[in-house]
C-alpha atoms as a PDB file:
ATOM      1  CA  UNK A   1     -45.391  37.580 116.610  1.00  0.00           C
ATOM      2  CA  UNK A   2     -42.850  34.704 117.670  1.00  0.00           C
ATOM      3  CA  UNK A   3     -43.851  35.262 121.367  1.00  0.00           C
ATOM      4  CA  UNK A   4     -47.563  34.812 120.022  1.00  0.00           C
ATOM      5  CA  UNK A   5     -46.978  32.143 118.211  1.00  0.00           C
ATOM      6  CA  UNK A   6     -45.478  30.396 120.866  1.00  0.00           C
ATOM      7  CA  UNK A   7     -47.965  31.400 123.797  1.00  0.00           C
ATOM      8  CA  UNK A   8     -50.824  30.045 121.082  1.00  0.00           C
ATOM      9  CA  UNK A   9     -49.094  26.244 121.127  1.00  0.00           C
ATOM     10  CA  UNK A  10     -48.555  26.131 124.907  1.00  0.00           C
ATOM     11  CA  UNK A  11     -52.312  27.433 125.604  1.00  0.00           C
ATOM     12  CA  UNK A  12     -53.309  24.243 122.984  1.00  0.00           C
ATOM     13  CA  UNK A  13     -50.736  22.234 124.780  1.00  0.00           C
ATOM     14  CA  UNK A  14     -52.290  23.102 128.253  1.00  0.00           C
ATOM     15  CA  UNK A  15     -55.694  22.592 126.885  1.00  0.00           C
ATOM     16  CA  UNK A  16     -54.841  19.090 125.452  1.00  0.00           C
ATOM     17  CA  UNK A  17     -53.785  17.888 129.005  1.00  0.00           C
ATOM     18  CA  UNK A  18     -56.155  19.101 130.848  1.00  0.00           C
ATOM     19  CA  UNK A  19     -58.661  17.594 128.841  1.00  0.00           C
ATOM     20  CA  UNK A  20     -57.068  14.084 128.767  1.00  0.00           C
ATOM     21  CA  UNK A  21     -57.071  14.445 133.038  1.00  0.00           C
ATOM     22  CA  UNK A  22     -60.913  14.197 133.482  1.00  0.00           C
ATOM     23  CA  UNK A  23     -60.296  11.294 135.906  1.00  0.00           C
ATOM     24  CA  UNK A  24     -61.572   8.368 133.386  1.00  0.00           C
ATOM     25  CA  UNK A  25     -59.376   5.683 131.942  1.00  0.00           C
ATOM     26  CA  UNK A  26     -60.521   3.696 128.510  1.00  0.00           C
ATOM     27  CA  UNK A  27     -60.044  -0.026 128.318  1.00  0.00           C
ATOM     28  CA  UNK A  28     -57.983   1.235 124.700  1.00  0.00           C
ATOM     29  CA  UNK A  29     -55.436   3.472 126.808  1.00  0.00           C
ATOM     30  CA  UNK A  30     -54.766   0.021 129.133  1.00  0.00           C
ATOM     31  CA  UNK A  31     -51.458  -1.344 128.293  1.00  0.00           C
ATOM     32  CA  UNK A  32     -52.517  -4.356 126.372  1.00  0.00           C
ATOM     33  CA  UNK A  33     -50.370  -7.954 127.123  1.00  0.00           C
ATOM     34  CA  UNK A  34     -50.694 -11.466 125.263  1.00  0.00           C
ATOM     35  CA  UNK A  35     -51.210 -14.657 126.848  1.00  0.00           C
ATOM     36  CA  UNK A  36     -52.041 -17.940 126.316  1.00  0.00           C
ATOM     37  CA  UNK A  37     -52.949 -20.687 128.202  1.00  0.00           C
ATOM     38  CA  UNK A  38     -49.623 -22.669 127.835  1.00  0.00           C
ATOM     39  CA  UNK A  39     -47.601 -19.759 129.986  1.00  0.00           C
ATOM     40  CA  UNK A  40     -48.345 -18.348 133.180  1.00  0.00           C
ATOM     41  CA  UNK A  41     -47.705 -14.582 133.307  1.00  0.00           C
ATOM     42  CA  UNK A  42     -46.245 -12.883 136.477  1.00  0.00           C
ATOM     43  CA  UNK A  43     -46.630  -9.317 137.758  1.00  0.00           C
ATOM     44  CA  UNK A  44     -44.118  -7.716 140.013  1.00  0.00           C
ATOM     45  CA  UNK A  45     -45.143  -5.009 142.132  1.00  0.00           C
ATOM     46  CA  UNK A  46     -43.000  -2.813 144.018  1.00  0.00           C
ATOM     47  CA  UNK A  47     -45.075  -3.073 147.420  1.00  0.00           C
ATOM     48  CA  UNK A  48     -47.734  -5.862 148.736  1.00  0.00           C
ATOM     49  CA  UNK A  49     -50.825  -6.419 146.752  1.00  0.00           C
ATOM     50  CA  UNK A  50     -53.811  -5.644 148.608  1.00  0.00           C
ATOM     51  CA  UNK A  51     -56.471  -6.916 145.809  1.00  0.00           C
ATOM     52  CA  UNK A  52     -57.041  -8.313 142.429  1.00  0.00           C
ATOM     53  CA  UNK A  53     -59.807  -8.606 140.046  1.00  0.00           C
ATOM     54  CA  UNK A  54     -59.969 -10.664 136.965  1.00  0.00           C
ATOM     55  CA  UNK A  55     -62.739  -9.184 134.910  1.00  0.00           C
ATOM     56  CA  UNK A  56     -63.851 -12.018 133.048  1.00  0.00           C
ATOM     57  CA  UNK A  57     -63.905 -15.768 133.600  1.00  0.00           C
ATOM     58  CA  UNK A  58     -61.427 -16.546 130.782  1.00  0.00           C
ATOM     59  CA  UNK A  59     -58.584 -16.197 133.235  1.00  0.00           C
ATOM     60  CA  UNK A  60     -57.530 -17.633 136.610  1.00  0.00           C
ATOM     61  CA  UNK A  61     -55.094 -16.176 138.751  1.00  0.00           C
ATOM     62  CA  UNK A  62     -53.312 -16.123 142.348  1.00  0.00           C
ATOM     63  CA  UNK A  63     -51.287 -14.394 144.708  1.00  0.00           C
ATOM     64  CA  UNK A  64     -48.326 -16.819 145.323  1.00  0.00           C
ATOM     65  CA  UNK A  65     -46.221 -14.455 147.019  1.00  0.00           C
ATOM     66  CA  UNK A  66     -47.183 -10.761 148.649  1.00  0.00           C
ATOM     67  CA  UNK A  67     -45.721  -8.904 145.664  1.00  0.00           C
ATOM     68  CA  UNK A  68     -46.398 -11.364 143.051  1.00  0.00           C
ATOM     69  CA  UNK A  69     -49.890 -11.791 141.087  1.00  0.00           C
ATOM     70  CA  UNK A  70     -49.833 -14.976 138.529  1.00  0.00           C
ATOM     71  CA  UNK A  71     -52.414 -15.174 136.156  1.00  0.00           C
ATOM     72  CA  UNK A  72     -53.047 -17.426 133.338  1.00  0.00           C
ATOM     73  CA  UNK A  73     -55.572 -17.816 130.332  1.00  0.00           C
ATOM     74  CA  UNK A  74     -57.983 -20.861 130.796  1.00  0.00           C
ATOM     75  CA  UNK A  75     -57.565 -23.578 127.815  1.00  0.00           C
ATOM     76  CA  UNK A  76     -61.299 -24.287 127.726  1.00  0.00           C
ATOM     77  CA  UNK A  77     -62.359 -20.554 127.823  1.00  0.00           C
ATOM     78  CA  UNK A  78     -59.452 -19.327 124.777  1.00  0.00           C
ATOM     79  CA  UNK A  79     -60.773 -22.528 122.787  1.00  0.00           C
ATOM     80  CA  UNK A  80     -64.154 -20.910 122.453  1.00  0.00           C
ATOM     81  CA  UNK A  81     -62.125 -17.603 120.937  1.00  0.00           C
ATOM     82  CA  UNK A  82     -62.631 -19.386 117.093  1.00  0.00           C
ATOM     83  CA  UNK A  83     -58.859 -17.562 117.019  1.00  0.00           C
ATOM     84  CA  UNK A  84     -56.205 -15.095 118.207  1.00  0.00           C
ATOM     85  CA  UNK A  85     -55.573 -11.382 119.260  1.00  0.00           C
ATOM     86  CA  UNK A  86     -59.157 -11.347 121.131  1.00  0.00           C
ATOM     87  CA  UNK A  87     -59.592  -9.685 124.477  1.00  0.00           C
ATOM     88  CA  UNK A  88     -59.637 -12.101 127.760  1.00  0.00           C
ATOM     89  CA  UNK A  89     -60.446  -9.373 129.779  1.00  0.00           C
ATOM     90  CA  UNK A  90     -58.755  -6.248 132.143  1.00  0.00           C
ATOM     91  CA  UNK A  91     -56.435  -7.444 135.354  1.00  0.00           C
ATOM     92  CA  UNK A  92     -56.925  -5.018 138.086  1.00  0.00           C
ATOM     93  CA  UNK A  93     -54.099  -5.067 140.589  1.00  0.00           C
ATOM     94  CA  UNK A  94     -54.226  -2.684 143.906  1.00  0.00           C
ATOM     95  CA  UNK A  95     -51.407  -1.913 145.785  1.00  0.00           C
ATOM     96  CA  UNK A  96     -51.139  -0.223 149.102  1.00  0.00           C
ATOM     97  CA  UNK A  97     -50.714   2.971 147.460  1.00  0.00           C
ATOM     98  CA  UNK A  98     -51.304   2.191 143.764  1.00  0.00           C
ATOM     99  CA  UNK A  99     -54.231   0.669 141.212  1.00  0.00           C
ATOM    100  CA  UNK A 100     -52.509  -0.705 137.815  1.00  0.00           C
ATOM    101  CA  UNK A 101     -54.886  -2.329 135.093  1.00  0.00           C
ATOM    102  CA  UNK A 102     -53.913  -4.517 132.142  1.00  0.00           C
ATOM    103  CA  UNK A 103     -55.913  -5.348 129.213  1.00  0.00           C
ATOM    104  CA  UNK A 104     -54.723  -8.906 128.386  1.00  0.00           C
ATOM    105  CA  UNK A 105     -55.574 -10.728 125.012  1.00  0.00           C
ATOM    106  CA  UNK A 106     -54.842 -13.809 124.282  1.00  0.00           C
ATOM    107  CA  UNK A 107     -52.094 -14.835 121.388  1.00  0.00           C
ATOM    108  CA  UNK A 108     -50.093 -17.498 120.614  1.00  0.00           C
ATOM    109  CA  UNK A 109     -47.615 -15.914 118.171  1.00  0.00           C
ATOM    110  CA  UNK A 110     -44.124 -16.624 121.242  1.00  0.00           C
ATOM    111  CA  UNK A 111     -42.786 -13.527 120.232  1.00  0.00           C
ATOM    112  CA  UNK A 112     -45.501 -11.600 121.887  1.00  0.00           C
ATOM    113  CA  UNK A 113     -45.653 -13.713 124.935  1.00  0.00           C
ATOM    114  CA  UNK A 114     -44.210 -12.064 128.282  1.00  0.00           C
ATOM    115  CA  UNK A 115     -43.992 -14.312 131.467  1.00  0.00           C
ATOM    116  CA  UNK A 116     -42.953 -11.723 133.506  1.00  0.00           C
ATOM    117  CA  UNK A 117     -44.087  -7.871 133.798  1.00  0.00           C
ATOM    118  CA  UNK A 118     -42.638  -5.329 136.147  1.00  0.00           C
ATOM    119  CA  UNK A 119     -45.700  -3.073 137.337  1.00  0.00           C
ATOM    120  CA  UNK A 120     -44.350   0.552 136.674  1.00  0.00           C
ATOM    121  CA  UNK A 121     -45.185   4.207 137.938  1.00  0.00           C
ATOM    122  CA  UNK A 122     -46.138   5.150 134.508  1.00  0.00           C
ATOM    123  CA  UNK A 123     -48.912   2.308 134.230  1.00  0.00           C
ATOM    124  CA  UNK A 124     -50.104   2.776 137.823  1.00  0.00           C
ATOM    125  CA  UNK A 125     -52.473   5.388 139.278  1.00  0.00           C
ATOM    126  CA  UNK A 126     -52.160   6.988 143.241  1.00  0.00           C
ATOM    127  CA  UNK A 127     -54.399   5.581 145.436  1.00  0.00           C
ATOM    128  CA  UNK A 128     -55.038   7.291 148.467  1.00  0.00           C
ATOM    129  CA  UNK A 129     -55.759   5.029 151.738  1.00  0.00           C
ATOM    130  CA  UNK A 130     -55.706   6.998 154.659  1.00  0.00           C
ATOM    131  CA  UNK A 131     -54.989   4.224 157.152  1.00  0.00           C
ATOM    132  CA  UNK A 132     -51.493   3.487 155.700  1.00  0.00           C
ATOM    133  CA  UNK A 133     -49.189   6.615 155.694  1.00  0.00           C
ATOM    134  CA  UNK A 134     -46.246   4.691 154.347  1.00  0.00           C
ATOM    135  CA  UNK A 135     -45.920   1.805 152.248  1.00  0.00           C
ATOM    136  CA  UNK A 136     -44.084  -1.614 153.829  1.00  0.00           C
ATOM    137  CA  UNK A 137     -41.215  -0.249 151.328  1.00  0.00           C
ATOM    138  CA  UNK A 138     -40.899   2.817 152.602  1.00  0.00           C
ATOM    139  CA  UNK A 139     -41.217   1.963 156.133  1.00  0.00           C
ATOM    140  CA  UNK A 140     -38.298  -0.462 155.666  1.00  0.00           C
ATOM    141  CA  UNK A 141     -36.097   2.220 154.346  1.00  0.00           C
ATOM    142  CA  UNK A 142     -37.003   4.775 156.745  1.00  0.00           C
ATOM    143  CA  UNK A 143     -36.381   2.141 159.516  1.00  0.00           C
ATOM    144  CA  UNK A 144     -33.064   1.608 157.719  1.00  0.00           C
ATOM    145  CA  UNK A 145     -32.089   5.070 158.240  1.00  0.00           C
ATOM    146  CA  UNK A 146     -33.235   5.675 161.365  1.00  0.00           C
ATOM    147  CA  UNK A 147     -31.487   2.672 162.500  1.00  0.00           C
ATOM    148  CA  UNK A 148     -27.912   3.742 160.677  1.00  0.00           C
ATOM    149  CA  UNK A 149     -28.050   7.390 162.248  1.00  0.00           C
ATOM    150  CA  UNK A 150     -28.848   6.197 165.944  1.00  0.00           C
ATOM    151  CA  UNK A 151     -26.947   8.394 168.415  1.00  0.00           C
ATOM    152  CA  UNK A 152     -25.888   7.177 171.809  1.00  0.00           C
ATOM    153  CA  UNK A 153     -27.576   8.233 174.828  1.00  0.00           C
ATOM    154  CA  UNK A 154     -25.972  11.429 176.523  1.00  0.00           C
ATOM    155  CA  UNK A 155     -28.823  12.426 179.304  1.00  0.00           C
ATOM    156  CA  UNK A 156     -27.025  12.991 182.981  1.00  0.00           C
ATOM    157  CA  UNK A 157     -28.340   9.413 184.106  1.00  0.00           C
ATOM    158  CA  UNK A 158     -26.912   7.549 181.425  1.00  0.00           C
ATOM    159  CA  UNK A 159     -23.962   9.147 180.699  1.00  0.00           C
ATOM    160  CA  UNK A 160     -21.818   6.274 180.328  1.00  0.00           C
ATOM    161  CA  UNK A 161     -24.756   4.061 178.676  1.00  0.00           C
ATOM    162  CA  UNK A 162     -24.503   3.347 175.032  1.00  0.00           C
ATOM    163  CA  UNK A 163     -26.767   1.634 172.650  1.00  0.00           C
ATOM    164  CA  UNK A 164     -25.979  -1.873 171.925  1.00  0.00           C
ATOM    165  CA  UNK A 165     -24.578  -1.891 168.480  1.00  0.00           C
ATOM    166  CA  UNK A 166     -25.947  -5.436 166.296  1.00  0.00           C
END
């Protein structure tokens, strides 16, 4: 009897997991982040940012560094909202191997305001880009590992030659 109950529970969990993975993401499922017109919010990416989309004219943003996206609410736009806790729109950030989306909301309560958000894997979806086999971060890591594990040349022509050590 216990085994039947466990099997039934596992079956129900499996069905609910597959039902939620239909390839779509609802706005209500996006991480909600609060900003205002006085503070810039910085998104820190683990890899260079390729593209950013701001869904409305309520915010402006730029990429001051290759892995930093800065966004700020426009004062004139938020003054027309007639109150706090209103959605300003969705921000989409695309890196070399991921896509991340955030729902930005207007609030003036400083306890809710953040100035920096690290883009974590839990908030991203993988992005398959056929022309980029390795991200810059992965390429840098493997290059350093290859440099560390470098061996001497032992061919008969260069028996006395060694690679220069730096």
